[in-house]
Amino acid sequence: MNIDPEVAEALAAGRPVVALESAIVSHGLPRPRNLEAARELEAAVREGGALPATIAVVAGKARVGLDEDALTAIAERDDVAKCSVRDLAPVAARGGHGGTTVAATAHLAARAGIRVFATGGLGGVHRGARETWDESADLETLARTGIVVVCAGVKSILDVGATLERLEALSVTVVGYGTDRFPGFYLSDSGHDVPWRVESAAEVRELVFARGELGTDDRAVVVANPLPPGEQLDPELHDRVLAEGLAAAERAGVTGKEVTPFLLDHLARETEGASLEANVRLVLRNARLAAEIAAELAA
């Protein structure tokens, strides 16, 4: 694993650092919007008073903090694999490139000593998982990785209620930032409650310190940060297009890890790009909040 010198220096000095995933760059957004968004995310973290550390596998090395050439490679190459934790070693051993998911980013960030991570939405339990056993590796990884993850809930194409039940079973702390309701990624409200609510980055800091004292800091804290209602995707449009996408996926025989990209692509196409821009808005908000939390923890 290679840690960028600027990131390593900041960590050694106790300055705030925020990890950013790269799967949204390699697989989550179309070109050239993906590279533009990656730069915007890093700028948002810096504006919030922290140092960004985008994480990816580049030419066989897990890199924590990317220079412009590496970021461009992850955004523009056609041979970039989507890497969860299980994929890191095979991609590295082959000298390949990989965009890291929530699970892989959290794992590598924690190994580097980074305490805060910003993303868009978590993976979770898929619809129909009772038959397919389809569940994201994000959940198990968060259950054994002591990092603060700022997100907009879980992707709305998933079974949100079942995902919250799994997070509870795995003893992963979930708090709503300024809300009693769990956000639904593109939507401000998924229809489910959160068990705890915080109002400020300082409250998150106190929570993190308390779990350290109590010995529960071996697993993640999920800070669920909703889009304001005026910035969310139109709920009626979302529900209609998602239902159509689920039906289309079933007709096409799309299963397993291919379901998520299929549905996200369907949403982007049928909402004429509105879902993509909502995605960028929410992850930028999460990056700014993560920077505030990292600054509080460093202080």
Protein backbone atom coordinates (compact mmCIF):
# COMPACT_ATOMS: atom_id res chain seq x y z
CA MET A 1 0.00 0.00 0.00
CA ASN A 2 1.30 3.43 -0.97
CA ILE A 3 0.28 6.48 1.08
CA ASP A 4 0.68 9.83 -0.65
CA PRO A 5 3.40 11.89 1.11
CA GLU A 6 1.03 14.81 1.78
CA VAL A 7 -1.50 12.44 3.32
CA ALA A 8 1.15 10.65 5.37
CA GLU A 9 2.48 13.97 6.67
CA ALA A 10 -1.02 15.13 7.65
CA LEU A 11 -1.77 11.88 9.46
CA ALA A 12 1.53 11.97 11.32
CA ALA A 13 0.81 15.54 12.42
CA GLY A 14 -2.74 14.72 13.51
CA ARG A 15 -4.35 16.95 10.90
CA PRO A 16 -7.80 16.09 9.48
CA VAL A 17 -7.93 13.70 6.51
CA VAL A 18 -11.02 12.38 4.71
CA ALA A 19 -10.98 9.22 2.60
CA LEU A 20 -12.93 9.19 -0.67
CA GLU A 21 -13.93 6.13 -2.68
CA SER A 22 -13.03 5.75 -6.35
CA ALA A 23 -15.70 3.32 -7.57
CA ILE A 24 -18.00 6.31 -8.11
CA VAL A 25 -15.30 7.68 -10.43
CA SER A 26 -14.55 4.44 -12.28
CA HIS A 27 -18.05 2.96 -12.40
CA GLY A 28 -20.64 5.28 -10.87
CA LEU A 29 -20.67 8.28 -13.20
CA PRO A 30 -20.31 8.67 -16.98
CA ARG A 31 -17.32 10.31 -18.64
CA PRO A 32 -16.32 13.13 -18.45
CA ARG A 33 -18.61 13.94 -15.50
CA ASN A 34 -16.81 11.36 -13.38
CA LEU A 35 -13.45 13.13 -13.44
CA GLU A 36 -15.09 16.53 -12.91
CA ALA A 37 -16.95 15.15 -9.89
CA ALA A 38 -13.78 13.58 -8.48
CA ARG A 39 -12.05 16.95 -8.55
CA GLU A 40 -15.12 18.64 -7.03
CA LEU A 41 -15.14 16.12 -4.19
CA GLU A 42 -11.51 16.71 -3.34
CA ALA A 43 -12.09 20.47 -3.48
CA ALA A 44 -15.11 20.16 -1.17
CA VAL A 45 -13.02 18.33 1.43
CA ARG A 46 -10.30 20.98 1.26
CA GLU A 47 -12.88 23.75 1.60
CA GLY A 48 -14.16 21.98 4.70
CA GLY A 49 -10.72 22.19 6.31
CA ALA A 50 -9.44 18.65 5.70
CA LEU A 51 -7.13 16.88 3.28
CA PRO A 52 -8.76 14.56 0.72
CA ALA A 53 -7.36 11.07 0.20
CA THR A 54 -9.01 9.39 -2.77
CA ILE A 55 -8.27 5.67 -2.63
CA ALA A 56 -7.80 3.31 -5.57
CA VAL A 57 -5.59 0.53 -6.92
CA VAL A 58 -3.25 1.92 -9.57
CA ALA A 59 -0.84 -0.31 -11.48
CA GLY A 60 -0.99 -2.97 -8.79
CA LYS A 61 -0.57 -0.64 -5.81
CA ALA A 62 -3.29 0.30 -3.35
CA ARG A 63 -2.87 4.06 -3.18
CA VAL A 64 -4.19 6.32 -0.45
CA GLY A 65 -4.24 9.76 -2.04
CA LEU A 66 -4.07 10.12 -5.81
CA ASP A 67 -2.15 12.60 -7.94
CA GLU A 68 -3.73 13.99 -11.11
CA ASP A 69 -2.32 11.25 -13.36
CA ALA A 70 -3.65 8.47 -11.14
CA LEU A 71 -7.06 10.10 -10.76
CA THR A 72 -7.30 10.53 -14.53
CA ALA A 73 -6.32 6.89 -15.09
CA ILE A 74 -9.07 5.65 -12.77
CA ALA A 75 -11.59 7.93 -14.50
CA GLU A 76 -10.66 7.25 -18.12
CA ARG A 77 -9.16 3.77 -18.51
CA ASP A 78 -11.39 0.96 -19.77
CA ASP A 79 -9.65 -1.77 -17.75
CA VAL A 80 -10.42 -0.51 -14.24
CA ALA A 81 -11.98 -3.26 -12.10
CA LYS A 82 -14.61 -2.56 -9.46
CA CYS A 83 -12.85 -3.63 -6.25
CA SER A 84 -14.43 -4.77 -3.05
CA VAL A 85 -12.16 -6.18 -0.32
CA ARG A 86 -12.04 -9.64 -1.90
CA ASP A 87 -10.85 -8.16 -5.21
CA LEU A 88 -7.94 -6.10 -3.89
CA ALA A 89 -5.35 -8.87 -3.84
CA PRO A 90 -6.13 -10.33 -7.30
CA VAL A 91 -6.08 -6.88 -8.93
CA ALA A 92 -2.86 -5.90 -7.13
CA ALA A 93 -1.16 -9.22 -7.94
CA ARG A 94 -1.89 -8.71 -11.64
CA GLY A 95 -0.64 -5.12 -11.63
CA GLY A 96 -4.12 -3.89 -12.48
CA HIS A 97 -6.23 -0.83 -11.78
CA GLY A 98 -9.24 -0.79 -9.47
CA GLY A 99 -11.91 1.62 -8.30
CA THR A 100 -12.57 0.89 -4.63
CA THR A 101 -16.08 0.35 -3.27
CA VAL A 102 -17.28 1.41 0.18
CA ALA A 103 -15.93 -1.82 1.67
CA ALA A 104 -12.50 -1.64 0.06
CA THR A 105 -12.13 2.08 0.70
CA ALA A 106 -13.07 1.73 4.37
CA HIS A 107 -10.65 -1.17 4.77
CA LEU A 108 -7.69 0.64 3.18
CA ALA A 109 -8.48 3.96 4.86
CA ALA A 110 -8.50 2.33 8.29
CA ARG A 111 -5.20 0.58 7.56
CA ALA A 112 -3.70 3.95 6.69
CA GLY A 113 -4.97 5.49 9.93
CA ILE A 114 -7.77 7.62 8.43
CA ARG A 115 -10.77 7.95 10.73
CA VAL A 116 -13.40 9.52 8.44
CA PHE A 117 -14.68 8.43 5.04
CA ALA A 118 -17.22 10.13 2.74
CA THR A 119 -19.25 8.29 0.14
CA GLY A 120 -22.60 8.49 -1.64
CA GLY A 121 -24.68 5.54 -0.50
CA LEU A 122 -23.83 2.26 1.18
CA GLY A 123 -24.41 -1.11 -0.35
CA GLY A 124 -26.78 -3.38 1.51
CA VAL A 125 -29.32 -6.16 1.33
CA HIS A 126 -30.77 -6.55 -2.16
CA ARG A 127 -34.44 -6.97 -2.86
CA GLY A 128 -35.28 -10.64 -2.97
CA ALA A 129 -32.24 -11.55 -0.87
CA ARG A 130 -34.26 -14.23 0.92
CA GLU A 131 -33.93 -16.29 -2.25
CA THR A 132 -30.64 -14.99 -3.66
CA TRP A 133 -28.60 -14.29 -0.49
CA ASP A 134 -27.44 -11.14 -2.27
CA GLU A 135 -25.93 -8.79 0.27
CA SER A 136 -23.18 -6.21 -0.19
CA ALA A 137 -19.79 -6.83 1.40
CA ASP A 138 -20.03 -3.26 2.69
CA LEU A 139 -22.05 -4.40 5.71
CA GLU A 140 -19.66 -7.06 7.01
CA THR A 141 -16.69 -4.78 6.41
CA LEU A 142 -18.27 -1.94 8.40
CA ALA A 143 -18.90 -4.42 11.21
CA ARG A 144 -15.15 -4.90 11.66
CA THR A 145 -13.74 -1.51 10.64
CA GLY A 146 -13.61 1.36 13.12
CA ILE A 147 -14.24 4.29 10.82
CA VAL A 148 -16.83 7.07 10.57
CA VAL A 149 -18.71 6.79 7.28
CA VAL A 150 -20.72 9.80 6.08
CA CYS A 151 -23.31 8.73 3.51
CA ALA A 152 -26.82 9.47 2.22
CA GLY A 153 -28.15 6.16 3.53
CA VAL A 154 -28.13 3.10 1.31
CA LYS A 155 -28.87 3.04 -2.39
CA SER A 156 -32.64 3.29 -2.85
CA ILE A 157 -32.68 0.34 -5.23
CA LEU A 158 -31.96 -1.94 -2.23
CA ASP A 159 -34.13 -3.34 0.56
CA VAL A 160 -33.59 -0.47 2.99
CA GLY A 161 -35.49 -2.00 5.90
CA ALA A 162 -33.58 -5.29 5.68
CA THR A 163 -30.28 -3.38 5.43
CA LEU A 164 -31.03 -1.45 8.62
CA GLU A 165 -31.88 -4.73 10.36
CA ARG A 166 -28.53 -6.19 9.27
CA LEU A 167 -26.65 -3.12 10.48
CA GLU A 168 -28.36 -3.50 13.84
CA ALA A 169 -27.51 -7.21 14.00
CA LEU A 170 -23.89 -6.37 13.19
CA SER A 171 -23.81 -3.71 15.97
CA VAL A 172 -22.97 -0.91 13.55
CA THR A 173 -24.03 2.44 15.03
CA VAL A 174 -26.30 4.47 12.73
CA VAL A 175 -27.12 8.13 13.40
CA GLY A 176 -29.16 10.61 11.39
CA TYR A 177 -27.54 13.98 10.83
CA GLY A 178 -30.22 16.54 11.63
CA THR A 179 -32.95 13.98 10.98
CA ASP A 180 -34.94 11.23 12.67
CA ARG A 181 -35.47 9.49 9.34
CA PHE A 182 -33.01 7.36 7.43
CA PRO A 183 -32.28 8.96 4.04
CA GLY A 184 -32.93 7.05 0.83
CA PHE A 185 -29.94 8.11 -1.28
CA TYR A 186 -31.72 10.05 -4.06
CA LEU A 187 -34.57 10.67 -1.61
CA SER A 188 -34.52 12.62 1.65
CA ASP A 189 -36.56 9.99 3.46
CA SER A 190 -36.44 6.24 2.88
CA GLY A 191 -39.53 5.67 5.00
CA HIS A 192 -37.55 4.26 7.93
CA ASP A 193 -36.46 5.76 11.24
CA VAL A 194 -32.91 6.09 12.51
CA PRO A 195 -32.18 4.94 16.08
CA TRP A 196 -30.17 8.03 16.99
CA ARG A 197 -29.91 11.64 15.87
CA VAL A 198 -27.04 14.16 15.98
CA GLU A 199 -27.11 17.85 15.18
CA SER A 200 -23.46 18.75 14.68
CA ALA A 201 -20.00 17.49 13.86
CA ALA A 202 -19.11 18.12 17.50
CA GLU A 203 -21.77 15.60 18.57
CA VAL A 204 -20.26 13.04 16.22
CA ARG A 205 -16.86 13.71 17.81
CA GLU A 206 -18.26 13.03 21.29
CA LEU A 207 -19.87 9.82 20.06
CA VAL A 208 -16.57 8.66 18.56
CA PHE A 209 -14.67 9.43 21.75
CA ALA A 210 -17.31 7.65 23.87
CA ARG A 211 -17.11 4.46 21.85
CA GLY A 212 -13.33 4.52 22.24
CA GLU A 213 -13.71 4.67 26.01
CA LEU A 214 -16.31 1.88 25.94
CA GLY A 215 -14.35 -0.43 23.65
CA THR A 216 -16.91 -0.41 20.82
CA ASP A 217 -14.62 1.30 18.32
CA ASP A 218 -13.89 -1.87 16.37
CA ARG A 219 -16.80 -1.19 13.99
CA ALA A 220 -18.07 1.74 11.98
CA VAL A 221 -20.27 4.68 12.82
CA VAL A 222 -22.64 5.47 9.93
CA VAL A 223 -23.61 9.14 9.75
CA ALA A 224 -26.68 9.33 7.49
CA ASN A 225 -26.82 12.77 5.89
CA PRO A 226 -29.97 13.39 3.80
CA LEU A 227 -30.38 15.59 0.78
CA PRO A 228 -32.69 18.53 1.55
CA PRO A 229 -36.19 17.86 0.18
CA GLY A 230 -35.72 20.59 -2.42
CA GLU A 231 -32.63 18.83 -3.82
CA GLN A 232 -33.88 15.25 -3.89
CA LEU A 233 -35.01 13.38 -6.97
CA ASP A 234 -38.75 13.72 -7.47
CA PRO A 235 -40.13 10.83 -5.34
CA GLU A 236 -42.93 9.95 -7.74
CA LEU A 237 -40.52 9.85 -10.69
CA HIS A 238 -38.03 7.82 -8.64
CA ASP A 239 -40.58 5.18 -7.61
CA ARG A 240 -42.01 4.80 -11.10
CA VAL A 241 -38.65 4.52 -12.86
CA LEU A 242 -37.26 2.15 -10.22
CA ALA A 243 -40.26 -0.18 -10.58
CA GLU A 244 -39.77 -0.19 -14.34
CA GLY A 245 -36.07 -0.89 -13.90
CA LEU A 246 -36.67 -3.81 -11.54
CA ALA A 247 -39.08 -5.33 -14.05
CA ALA A 248 -36.59 -4.80 -16.89
CA ALA A 249 -33.79 -6.44 -14.89
CA GLU A 250 -35.97 -9.48 -14.23
CA ARG A 251 -36.90 -9.79 -17.91
CA ALA A 252 -33.24 -9.52 -18.92
CA GLY A 253 -32.13 -12.10 -16.36
CA VAL A 254 -29.79 -9.64 -14.63
CA THR A 255 -28.65 -11.01 -11.26
CA GLY A 256 -25.97 -10.63 -8.60
CA LYS A 257 -23.51 -7.79 -8.73
CA GLU A 258 -24.79 -6.75 -12.17
CA VAL A 259 -28.16 -5.63 -10.74
CA THR A 260 -26.92 -2.40 -9.16
CA PRO A 261 -25.17 -0.95 -12.25
CA PHE A 262 -28.11 -2.04 -14.41
CA LEU A 263 -30.63 -0.20 -12.22
CA LEU A 264 -28.47 2.89 -11.74
CA ASP A 265 -27.98 3.13 -15.50
CA HIS A 266 -31.73 2.71 -16.03
CA LEU A 267 -32.47 5.47 -13.50
CA ALA A 268 -29.96 7.83 -15.11
CA ARG A 269 -31.34 7.23 -18.59
CA GLU A 270 -35.03 7.41 -17.72
CA THR A 271 -34.66 10.49 -15.49
CA GLU A 272 -32.61 12.20 -18.22
CA GLY A 273 -29.60 12.57 -15.96
CA ALA A 274 -31.49 13.92 -12.93
CA SER A 275 -30.48 10.93 -10.79
CA LEU A 276 -26.79 11.43 -11.68
CA GLU A 277 -26.85 15.06 -10.61
CA ALA A 278 -28.65 14.13 -7.39
CA ASN A 279 -25.86 11.61 -6.81
CA VAL A 280 -23.20 14.29 -7.25
CA ARG A 281 -25.07 16.71 -4.97
CA LEU A 282 -25.39 14.23 -2.15
CA VAL A 283 -21.80 13.02 -2.25
CA LEU A 284 -20.53 16.62 -2.25
CA ARG A 285 -22.65 17.32 0.84
CA ASN A 286 -21.23 14.21 2.48
CA ALA A 287 -17.66 15.25 1.65
CA ARG A 288 -18.16 18.65 3.28
CA LEU A 289 -19.70 17.13 6.40
CA ALA A 290 -16.96 14.50 6.62
CA ALA A 291 -14.36 17.30 6.51
CA GLU A 292 -16.10 19.03 9.43
CA ILE A 293 -16.16 15.81 11.43
CA ALA A 294 -12.50 15.07 10.65
CA ALA A 295 -11.58 18.60 11.78
CA GLU A 296 -13.47 18.09 15.06
CA LEU A 297 -11.73 14.79 15.69
CA ALA A 298 -8.32 16.32 14.96
CA ALA A 299 -9.01 19.27 17.25
